[in-house]
Amino acid sequence: MPRDPNHWSSDELRQRFEEFAARFGEKARPGPAVTPSTPPSDDYWKSLQDLFTRDVTAREFRDLVGRDSEDTWRFFTREIDFSGLEQKPWFIRYPATAWKIFLAMAFRLSPARRVIFATSGLLLFAAWVKFIVTHAEMSGWGLLAIQSSLVAATLLFALLMVELRDKLALKGDLEIARQIQFGLLPFAPFSRHGTSIHSAMRPANTVGGDYFDIIDLADGRIALAIGDVAGKGIPAALLMALLQGSLRTLITAGFRGAELVRTLNDHLCANIPRNRLVTLFYAELDLTTGAFHYVNAGHNAPFLLRPGGAIRLGTTGVALGVLGGSAFEERGETLAPGERLFLFTDGITEAFDPEDREYGEPRLESFLLSHHHLVSPGLIDAVREDVLAFCGPARPRDDMTLMLVERA
C-alpha cells in the first residue's frame, strides 16, 4: 500500500519533485544504438534512402496534384469575386484573375512576409516571361539548365503554397480557439458592494495556459482563482479548460476551501499527463466584510497591498497534478477598505530582457509600492507596460496574467 504523501520526509518530497522535473526533459524513446561494427556511411545512406522511399505511395502524389491542389485553390480564392471577369476577353480575364489571386494570397501574410512573397512571385513570373521570349535563341546545356531551374522554382513555389495553406488554416483555427478561450474568462470589470476586480491576460502564443476566474458563491461571497498550467500553446490551453471546468464543477457540487483544492488535485493527478503540473491560488472573499480564506497550491505569492507596505500570501501546498492525496492548508486574511490584492502569474516576474536578466519579484513589488496612487485598471496596465518595456525587443516567453482586487 503506498504511503501517504503527507507523511513523507523533506528528502523524499525533494526526490519526487526532482523525478517530476526530470520528466520535462523526456524525449521520444531512442532507436537501437549503432554498434561500432556498423559503418557510419552505410547507416547514412540507408537513412537517406528511407527518408525518400518509406511510406511514399502513388496515391500521395495523386492527392498532392489533385485534391491538395484543389483545396489550396479553393482556400485562396474562396473570398474572391470572379463574376465581373466572366465576360472579359481571355487576355484580360486571365491576367486579372491571376492578379486577384496574388493579392488575396499576399493579404493573408504579415507585412514583411508580404513584401518577400510579392518580390519572389514577381521575379519568378518575370523569369518565365524572359524564358518564353528568348528561349528560341538558346540551345544545348544552357537552355536545359535555365528550363530546369524555372521548373524547379515553380514546383517549389507551388509546394510552399500548399504548406502555406495548411499553416494559414491552422492559424485560423487558433484564432477561433483564442476567441473561445477568452470567452471562457471573465475579462469584464467586476464591481459589487464596494469591491472592484480588474483582470488582464497576454498569452505568449495565440492561446495560453494561464487561468483566472471570478465565481459567485452563496451568502454574498465570491471565489477568486488564478492559475498557471506548465507549458504554453494548445496543450496548455486544453488543460486550462479542464482546470476551469473541474473547479467550477466541484464548486457547484458544494466543495469549498482546502477540501476543494485537495479534490481538484486528485482529479488532475488522474487526468493530466505526468509531465504537466498546475499552480493555483484559490480564495473565497466575503464582499461585505473583506475577510477571505485562501489556498495557494504552489502559485506565485500574491501581494496584499496595504498603506504600510505589502505582505505576501505564500504557498500552503504543493502544485496540483504532482502528488495524489496531498493535503492543503487554508489560511485567512482581511482585505480592508483602501487595500488591494494583486495576483499574477510567473510570466510577469520571469520575463527576460535581451541580456537574459529576469524582471523578478523584487522589481514587481517595488513598482507596485511606488505606483500605489494609480486606480485599479491603470495599475494593471502600468505593470504590463513596465514588463514589456523591460523585455524590450525580446519576445515574452510565457503567458502574462494579472488580477487586482480592491475594496473602496
Protein backbone atom coordinates (compact mmCIF):
# COMPACT_ATOMS: atom_id res chain seq x y z
CA MET A 1 0.00 0.00 0.00
CA PRO A 2 1.52 3.40 -0.96
CA ARG A 3 2.49 5.76 1.81
CA ASP A 4 0.55 8.91 2.49
CA PRO A 5 2.42 11.83 0.81
CA ASN A 6 1.65 13.99 3.85
CA HIS A 7 3.99 11.82 5.94
CA TRP A 8 6.93 11.86 3.56
CA SER A 9 10.15 13.43 4.74
CA SER A 10 11.54 16.55 3.07
CA ASP A 11 14.19 14.45 1.32
CA GLU A 12 11.54 12.13 -0.09
CA LEU A 13 9.46 15.06 -1.30
CA ARG A 14 12.52 16.64 -2.90
CA GLN A 15 13.32 13.39 -4.66
CA ARG A 16 9.77 13.13 -6.02
CA PHE A 17 9.91 16.69 -7.34
CA GLU A 18 13.27 16.04 -8.96
CA GLU A 19 11.87 12.95 -10.65
CA PHE A 20 8.88 15.00 -11.78
CA ALA A 21 11.09 17.78 -13.16
CA ALA A 22 13.22 15.24 -15.00
CA ARG A 23 10.15 14.13 -16.93
CA PHE A 24 10.01 17.54 -18.61
CA GLY A 25 13.19 16.60 -20.43
CA GLU A 26 11.98 13.23 -21.61
CA LYS A 27 12.23 12.80 -25.36
CA ALA A 28 10.98 10.16 -27.72
CA ARG A 29 12.43 6.74 -26.99
CA PRO A 30 15.68 6.42 -28.95
CA GLY A 31 16.06 3.75 -31.57
CA PRO A 32 18.59 0.92 -31.49
CA ALA A 33 22.12 2.05 -30.82
CA VAL A 34 24.58 1.86 -33.69
CA THR A 35 27.23 -0.74 -32.95
CA PRO A 36 30.85 0.07 -33.72
CA SER A 37 30.89 -2.71 -36.33
CA THR A 38 28.30 -0.87 -38.46
CA PRO A 39 29.97 1.52 -40.92
CA PRO A 40 28.59 5.05 -40.41
CA SER A 41 28.38 5.54 -44.18
CA ASP A 42 26.05 2.54 -44.54
CA ASP A 43 23.74 3.96 -41.88
CA TYR A 44 23.78 7.35 -43.55
CA TRP A 45 22.81 6.09 -46.99
CA LYS A 46 20.21 3.76 -45.54
CA SER A 47 18.68 6.63 -43.57
CA LEU A 48 18.71 8.78 -46.69
CA GLN A 49 17.05 6.03 -48.68
CA ASP A 50 14.40 5.52 -46.01
CA LEU A 51 13.75 9.27 -45.92
CA PHE A 52 12.72 9.40 -49.57
CA THR A 53 11.18 5.95 -50.01
CA ARG A 54 9.47 4.93 -46.77
CA ASP A 55 5.68 5.34 -46.84
CA VAL A 56 5.82 7.01 -50.27
CA THR A 57 2.90 5.89 -52.44
CA ALA A 58 1.48 6.77 -55.82
CA ARG A 59 -1.74 7.77 -54.11
CA GLU A 60 0.05 10.52 -52.16
CA PHE A 61 1.34 12.03 -55.39
CA ARG A 62 -2.13 11.87 -56.93
CA ASP A 63 -3.59 13.58 -53.85
CA LEU A 64 -0.90 16.26 -53.96
CA VAL A 65 -1.54 17.05 -57.61
CA GLY A 66 -5.29 16.61 -57.39
CA ARG A 67 -7.01 17.01 -54.04
CA ASP A 68 -4.38 19.18 -52.28
CA SER A 69 -4.09 21.49 -55.28
CA GLU A 70 -7.87 21.88 -55.48
CA ASP A 71 -8.10 22.53 -51.72
CA THR A 72 -5.34 25.13 -51.97
CA TRP A 73 -7.09 26.82 -54.89
CA ARG A 74 -10.40 26.96 -53.02
CA PHE A 75 -8.72 28.20 -49.84
CA PHE A 76 -7.06 31.18 -51.50
CA THR A 77 -9.95 32.04 -53.86
CA ARG A 78 -12.97 31.49 -51.59
CA GLU A 79 -13.32 35.22 -50.86
CA ILE A 80 -12.63 36.45 -54.41
CA ASP A 81 -15.46 37.55 -56.68
CA PHE A 82 -14.72 36.47 -60.25
CA SER A 83 -18.18 37.27 -61.60
CA GLY A 84 -17.09 40.56 -63.15
CA LEU A 85 -14.42 38.86 -65.26
CA GLU A 86 -16.54 36.19 -66.93
CA GLN A 87 -17.44 38.34 -69.94
CA LYS A 88 -13.95 39.75 -70.44
CA PRO A 89 -11.70 38.51 -73.29
CA TRP A 90 -9.12 35.92 -72.31
CA PHE A 91 -6.14 38.30 -72.49
CA ILE A 92 -7.84 40.46 -69.85
CA ARG A 93 -9.60 37.75 -67.84
CA TYR A 94 -6.57 35.57 -67.15
CA PRO A 95 -4.16 38.32 -66.01
CA ALA A 96 -6.91 39.92 -63.89
CA THR A 97 -7.70 36.54 -62.31
CA ALA A 98 -4.03 35.92 -61.53
CA TRP A 99 -3.72 39.41 -60.04
CA LYS A 100 -6.74 38.92 -57.76
CA ILE A 101 -5.37 35.60 -56.54
CA PHE A 102 -1.95 37.13 -55.97
CA LEU A 103 -3.46 39.94 -53.86
CA ALA A 104 -5.63 37.52 -51.87
CA MET A 105 -2.60 35.39 -51.02
CA ALA A 106 -0.47 38.40 -50.09
CA PHE A 107 -3.24 39.85 -47.92
CA ARG A 108 -3.10 36.82 -45.62
CA LEU A 109 0.57 37.38 -44.76
CA SER A 110 2.22 39.76 -42.31
CA PRO A 111 3.66 42.95 -43.89
CA ALA A 112 7.30 41.80 -44.00
CA ARG A 113 6.42 38.37 -45.40
CA ARG A 114 4.05 40.04 -47.83
CA VAL A 115 6.93 42.01 -49.34
CA ILE A 116 9.14 38.91 -49.71
CA PHE A 117 6.26 36.90 -51.20
CA ALA A 118 5.47 39.63 -53.73
CA THR A 119 9.11 40.03 -54.70
CA SER A 120 9.71 36.31 -55.19
CA GLY A 121 6.45 35.83 -57.09
CA LEU A 122 7.11 38.70 -59.45
CA LEU A 123 10.72 37.60 -60.05
CA LEU A 124 9.56 34.07 -60.89
CA PHE A 125 6.92 35.45 -63.26
CA ALA A 126 9.45 37.76 -64.92
CA ALA A 127 11.89 34.85 -65.33
CA TRP A 128 9.26 32.78 -67.13
CA VAL A 129 8.36 35.67 -69.42
CA LYS A 130 12.03 36.19 -70.22
CA PHE A 131 12.48 32.48 -70.93
CA ILE A 132 9.44 32.27 -73.21
CA VAL A 133 10.58 35.28 -75.21
CA THR A 134 14.25 34.31 -75.58
CA HIS A 135 14.32 30.51 -75.40
CA ALA A 136 14.44 30.23 -79.21
CA GLU A 137 17.87 31.86 -79.13
CA MET A 138 19.23 29.27 -76.68
CA SER A 139 20.33 25.72 -77.18
CA GLY A 140 22.18 22.86 -75.55
CA TRP A 141 23.04 22.78 -71.86
CA GLY A 142 22.26 26.45 -71.31
CA LEU A 143 18.65 26.00 -72.38
CA LEU A 144 18.30 22.84 -70.30
CA ALA A 145 19.79 24.49 -67.21
CA ILE A 146 17.51 27.51 -67.37
CA GLN A 147 14.46 25.41 -68.12
CA SER A 148 15.21 23.01 -65.25
CA SER A 149 15.79 25.91 -62.84
CA LEU A 150 12.47 27.53 -63.72
CA VAL A 151 10.55 24.27 -63.43
CA ALA A 152 12.20 23.52 -60.07
CA ALA A 153 11.48 27.02 -58.77
CA THR A 154 7.85 26.80 -59.91
CA LEU A 155 7.34 23.40 -58.29
CA LEU A 156 8.91 24.64 -55.07
CA PHE A 157 6.71 27.75 -55.16
CA ALA A 158 3.60 25.58 -55.65
CA LEU A 159 4.65 23.27 -52.80
CA LEU A 160 5.15 26.25 -50.50
CA MET A 161 1.66 27.46 -51.39
CA VAL A 162 0.23 24.13 -50.25
CA GLU A 163 2.21 24.38 -47.00
CA LEU A 164 1.13 28.00 -46.60
CA ARG A 165 -2.50 26.90 -46.97
CA ASP A 166 -2.06 24.41 -44.14
CA LYS A 167 -0.38 26.98 -41.90
CA LEU A 168 -2.97 29.68 -42.56
CA ALA A 169 -5.80 27.22 -41.96
CA LEU A 170 -4.22 26.25 -38.63
CA LYS A 171 -3.75 29.92 -37.80
CA GLY A 172 -7.44 30.49 -38.43
CA ASP A 173 -8.34 27.61 -36.12
CA LEU A 174 -6.04 29.05 -33.46
CA GLU A 175 -7.73 32.43 -33.73
CA ILE A 176 -11.09 30.75 -33.16
CA ALA A 177 -9.61 28.86 -30.20
CA ARG A 178 -8.34 32.18 -28.83
CA GLN A 179 -11.82 33.69 -29.08
CA ILE A 180 -13.30 30.67 -27.31
CA GLN A 181 -10.65 30.76 -24.57
CA PHE A 182 -11.08 34.48 -23.98
CA GLY A 183 -14.86 33.96 -23.91
CA LEU A 184 -14.41 31.50 -21.02
CA LEU A 185 -12.58 34.04 -18.87
CA PRO A 186 -14.18 36.98 -17.00
CA PHE A 187 -12.38 39.96 -18.55
CA ALA A 188 -15.24 42.37 -17.80
CA PRO A 189 -14.61 44.50 -14.69
CA PHE A 190 -16.36 43.22 -11.56
CA SER A 191 -17.91 45.63 -9.07
CA ARG A 192 -20.15 44.79 -6.12
CA HIS A 193 -20.58 46.04 -2.55
CA GLY A 194 -17.60 48.38 -2.89
CA THR A 195 -15.27 45.65 -4.19
CA SER A 196 -13.88 46.01 -7.71
CA ILE A 197 -11.85 43.45 -9.68
CA HIS A 198 -9.93 44.05 -12.90
CA SER A 199 -8.05 41.42 -14.89
CA ALA A 200 -5.85 41.19 -17.96
CA MET A 201 -4.08 38.39 -19.83
CA ARG A 202 -1.43 38.36 -22.55
CA PRO A 203 -0.70 34.87 -23.95
CA ALA A 204 2.82 34.20 -25.20
CA ASN A 205 1.22 32.42 -28.19
CA THR A 206 -2.21 32.69 -29.77
CA VAL A 207 -3.66 30.68 -26.87
CA GLY A 208 -2.15 30.14 -23.45
CA GLY A 209 -2.23 28.12 -20.27
CA ASP A 210 -2.95 30.87 -17.75
CA TYR A 211 -6.29 30.85 -15.97
CA PHE A 212 -8.24 33.26 -13.82
CA ASP A 213 -11.82 33.26 -12.67
CA ILE A 214 -14.42 35.01 -10.54
CA ILE A 215 -17.20 32.71 -9.34
CA ASP A 216 -20.32 33.67 -7.39
CA LEU A 217 -20.87 31.76 -4.15
CA ALA A 218 -23.73 31.91 -1.68
CA ASP A 219 -24.18 34.49 1.11
CA GLY A 220 -22.50 37.43 -0.64
CA ARG A 221 -19.19 35.70 -1.26
CA ILE A 222 -17.18 35.12 -4.40
CA ALA A 223 -14.39 32.73 -5.29
CA LEU A 224 -11.21 34.10 -6.86
CA ALA A 225 -8.85 31.85 -8.77
CA ILE A 226 -5.69 32.37 -10.76
CA GLY A 227 -3.60 29.51 -12.09
CA ASP A 228 -0.85 28.57 -14.47
CA VAL A 229 -0.58 25.32 -16.44
CA ALA A 230 3.00 24.28 -17.14
CA GLY A 231 3.77 24.90 -20.80
CA LYS A 232 2.34 27.13 -23.49
CA GLY A 233 0.20 26.93 -26.58
CA ILE A 234 -2.56 24.48 -27.43
CA PRO A 235 -1.69 21.72 -24.90
CA ALA A 236 -1.64 24.22 -22.03
CA ALA A 237 -4.87 25.83 -23.26
CA LEU A 238 -6.66 22.46 -23.28
CA LEU A 239 -5.51 21.75 -19.73
CA MET A 240 -6.59 25.25 -18.71
CA ALA A 241 -10.10 24.47 -19.93
CA LEU A 242 -10.01 21.21 -17.98
CA LEU A 243 -8.90 23.10 -14.87
CA GLN A 244 -11.68 25.65 -15.17
CA GLY A 245 -14.38 23.07 -15.83
CA SER A 246 -13.22 20.86 -12.98
CA LEU A 247 -13.00 23.73 -10.50
CA ARG A 248 -16.45 25.07 -11.35
CA THR A 249 -17.95 21.59 -11.21
CA LEU A 250 -16.53 20.95 -7.74
CA ILE A 251 -17.80 24.33 -6.51
CA THR A 252 -21.26 23.52 -7.84
CA ALA A 253 -21.06 20.17 -6.01
CA GLY A 254 -20.51 22.04 -2.73
CA PHE A 255 -16.75 21.71 -2.22
CA ARG A 256 -15.04 24.67 -0.61
CA GLY A 257 -11.61 25.78 0.57
CA ALA A 258 -8.89 23.26 1.21
CA GLU A 259 -11.21 20.32 0.55
CA LEU A 260 -11.98 21.73 -2.88
CA VAL A 261 -8.30 22.09 -3.80
CA ARG A 262 -7.47 18.63 -2.44
CA THR A 263 -10.23 17.03 -4.53
CA LEU A 264 -9.18 19.04 -7.58
CA ASN A 265 -5.59 17.89 -7.14
CA ASP A 266 -6.62 14.22 -7.02
CA HIS A 267 -8.72 14.71 -10.15
CA LEU A 268 -5.87 16.35 -12.05
CA CYS A 269 -3.36 13.71 -10.95
CA ALA A 270 -5.60 11.11 -12.55
CA ASN A 271 -6.38 13.02 -15.75
CA ILE A 272 -3.44 15.12 -16.93
CA PRO A 273 -0.13 13.94 -18.44
CA ARG A 274 2.60 13.11 -15.95
CA ASN A 275 4.88 15.83 -17.29
CA ARG A 276 2.38 18.59 -16.54
CA LEU A 277 1.54 20.48 -13.37
CA VAL A 278 -0.77 23.32 -12.40
CA THR A 279 -0.18 26.09 -9.89
CA LEU A 280 -3.31 27.62 -8.40
CA PHE A 281 -4.23 30.37 -5.97
CA TYR A 282 -7.80 29.99 -4.76
CA ALA A 283 -9.60 32.35 -2.36
CA GLU A 284 -13.14 32.86 -1.06
CA LEU A 285 -13.90 36.52 -0.35
CA ASP A 286 -16.74 37.95 1.73
CA LEU A 287 -17.74 41.09 -0.16
CA THR A 288 -19.32 42.68 2.92
CA THR A 289 -16.51 42.30 5.47
CA GLY A 290 -13.49 41.81 3.21
CA ALA A 291 -12.50 38.63 5.06
CA PHE A 292 -11.17 35.87 2.85
CA HIS A 293 -9.66 32.42 3.14
CA TYR A 294 -7.16 31.18 0.60
CA VAL A 295 -5.20 28.14 -0.52
CA ASN A 296 -2.01 28.64 -2.50
CA ALA A 297 -1.05 25.46 -4.38
CA GLY A 298 2.47 26.31 -5.50
CA HIS A 299 1.48 29.58 -7.17
CA ASN A 300 3.36 32.88 -7.10
CA ALA A 301 2.56 34.53 -3.78
CA PRO A 302 0.11 37.42 -4.39
CA PHE A 303 0.76 40.86 -2.88
CA LEU A 304 -1.63 42.18 -0.26
CA LEU A 305 -1.01 45.92 -0.68
CA ARG A 306 -1.59 47.93 2.50
CA PRO A 307 -0.82 51.54 3.39
CA GLY A 308 2.29 50.49 5.29
CA GLY A 309 3.68 48.20 2.59
CA ALA A 310 2.93 44.75 1.21
CA ILE A 311 2.68 41.24 2.59
CA ARG A 312 2.88 38.01 0.60
CA LEU A 313 0.33 35.22 0.63
CA GLY A 314 2.75 32.30 0.31
CA THR A 315 2.20 28.70 -0.65
CA THR A 316 0.10 26.42 1.54
CA GLY A 317 0.55 23.24 -0.50
CA VAL A 318 2.26 21.65 -3.50
CA ALA A 319 1.39 22.35 -7.12
CA LEU A 320 -1.58 20.41 -8.48
CA GLY A 321 -1.20 17.28 -10.56
CA VAL A 322 2.07 16.17 -8.92
CA LEU A 323 1.26 14.15 -5.80
CA GLY A 324 -2.10 12.48 -5.35
CA GLY A 325 -3.51 12.59 -1.83
CA SER A 326 -1.67 15.78 -0.86
CA ALA A 327 -3.11 17.97 1.90
CA PHE A 328 -3.54 21.75 1.58
CA GLU A 329 -3.62 24.31 4.36
CA GLU A 330 -6.22 27.07 4.37
CA ARG A 331 -5.29 30.49 5.74
CA GLY A 332 -7.26 33.65 6.43
CA GLU A 333 -6.71 37.36 5.83
CA THR A 334 -8.79 40.52 5.56
CA LEU A 335 -8.92 42.99 2.70
CA ALA A 336 -9.70 46.25 4.48
CA PRO A 337 -11.16 49.31 2.72
CA GLY A 338 -8.48 51.01 0.64
CA GLU A 339 -6.37 47.84 0.39
CA ARG A 340 -5.61 45.84 -2.71
CA LEU A 341 -4.86 42.23 -3.55
CA PHE A 342 -2.59 41.85 -6.58
CA LEU A 343 -2.46 38.40 -8.18
CA PHE A 344 -0.23 37.42 -11.11
CA THR A 345 1.37 34.50 -12.94
CA ASP A 346 5.07 33.83 -13.40
CA GLY A 347 5.03 35.27 -16.92
CA ILE A 348 5.33 38.66 -15.19
CA THR A 349 8.24 38.00 -12.86
CA GLU A 350 10.04 35.56 -15.17
CA ALA A 351 10.12 37.91 -18.14
CA PHE A 352 13.64 38.43 -19.51
CA ASP A 353 15.35 41.31 -21.26
CA PRO A 354 17.67 40.88 -24.29
CA GLU A 355 20.60 40.25 -21.91
CA ASP A 356 18.68 37.40 -20.25
CA ARG A 357 18.11 39.28 -16.99
CA GLU A 358 14.91 38.45 -15.11
CA TYR A 359 12.27 41.02 -14.20
CA GLY A 360 11.89 39.38 -10.78
CA GLU A 361 9.54 39.74 -7.83
CA PRO A 362 11.59 42.45 -6.03
CA ARG A 363 11.21 44.73 -9.04
CA LEU A 364 7.49 43.98 -9.22
CA GLU A 365 7.00 44.74 -5.52
CA SER A 366 8.93 47.99 -5.82
CA PHE A 367 6.85 49.02 -8.83
CA LEU A 368 3.56 48.25 -7.06
CA LEU A 369 4.53 50.27 -3.97
CA SER A 370 5.79 53.24 -5.97
CA HIS A 371 2.63 53.34 -8.11
CA HIS A 372 0.04 52.80 -5.37
CA HIS A 373 -1.70 56.03 -6.40
CA LEU A 374 -2.92 54.53 -9.69
CA VAL A 375 -6.53 53.41 -9.87
CA SER A 376 -7.25 49.71 -10.44
CA PRO A 377 -7.21 49.29 -14.24
CA GLY A 378 -4.42 51.83 -14.52
CA LEU A 379 -2.16 49.88 -12.18
CA ILE A 380 -2.61 46.68 -14.19
CA ASP A 381 -1.83 48.47 -17.43
CA ALA A 382 1.21 50.14 -15.87
CA VAL A 383 2.63 46.82 -14.64
CA ARG A 384 2.14 45.19 -18.02
CA GLU A 385 3.75 48.10 -19.86
CA ASP A 386 6.69 48.13 -17.45
CA VAL A 387 7.31 44.41 -18.02
CA LEU A 388 7.13 44.80 -21.81
CA ALA A 389 9.45 47.82 -21.66
CA PHE A 390 11.86 45.75 -19.58
CA CYS A 391 11.78 42.96 -22.18
CA GLY A 392 12.44 45.44 -24.98
CA PRO A 393 12.86 43.63 -28.32
CA ALA A 394 12.95 40.25 -26.56
CA ARG A 395 9.66 38.46 -27.01
CA PRO A 396 7.99 37.40 -23.71
CA ARG A 397 8.47 33.67 -23.24
CA ASP A 398 5.45 32.95 -21.07
CA ASP A 399 1.82 33.93 -20.65
CA MET A 400 1.16 37.00 -18.51
CA THR A 401 -1.95 37.30 -16.35
CA LEU A 402 -2.80 39.92 -13.74
CA MET A 403 -5.74 40.40 -11.37
CA LEU A 404 -6.31 43.29 -9.00
CA VAL A 405 -8.92 43.17 -6.22
CA GLU A 406 -9.68 46.43 -4.39
CA ARG A 407 -12.08 47.50 -1.68
CA ALA A 408 -13.22 51.09 -1.89
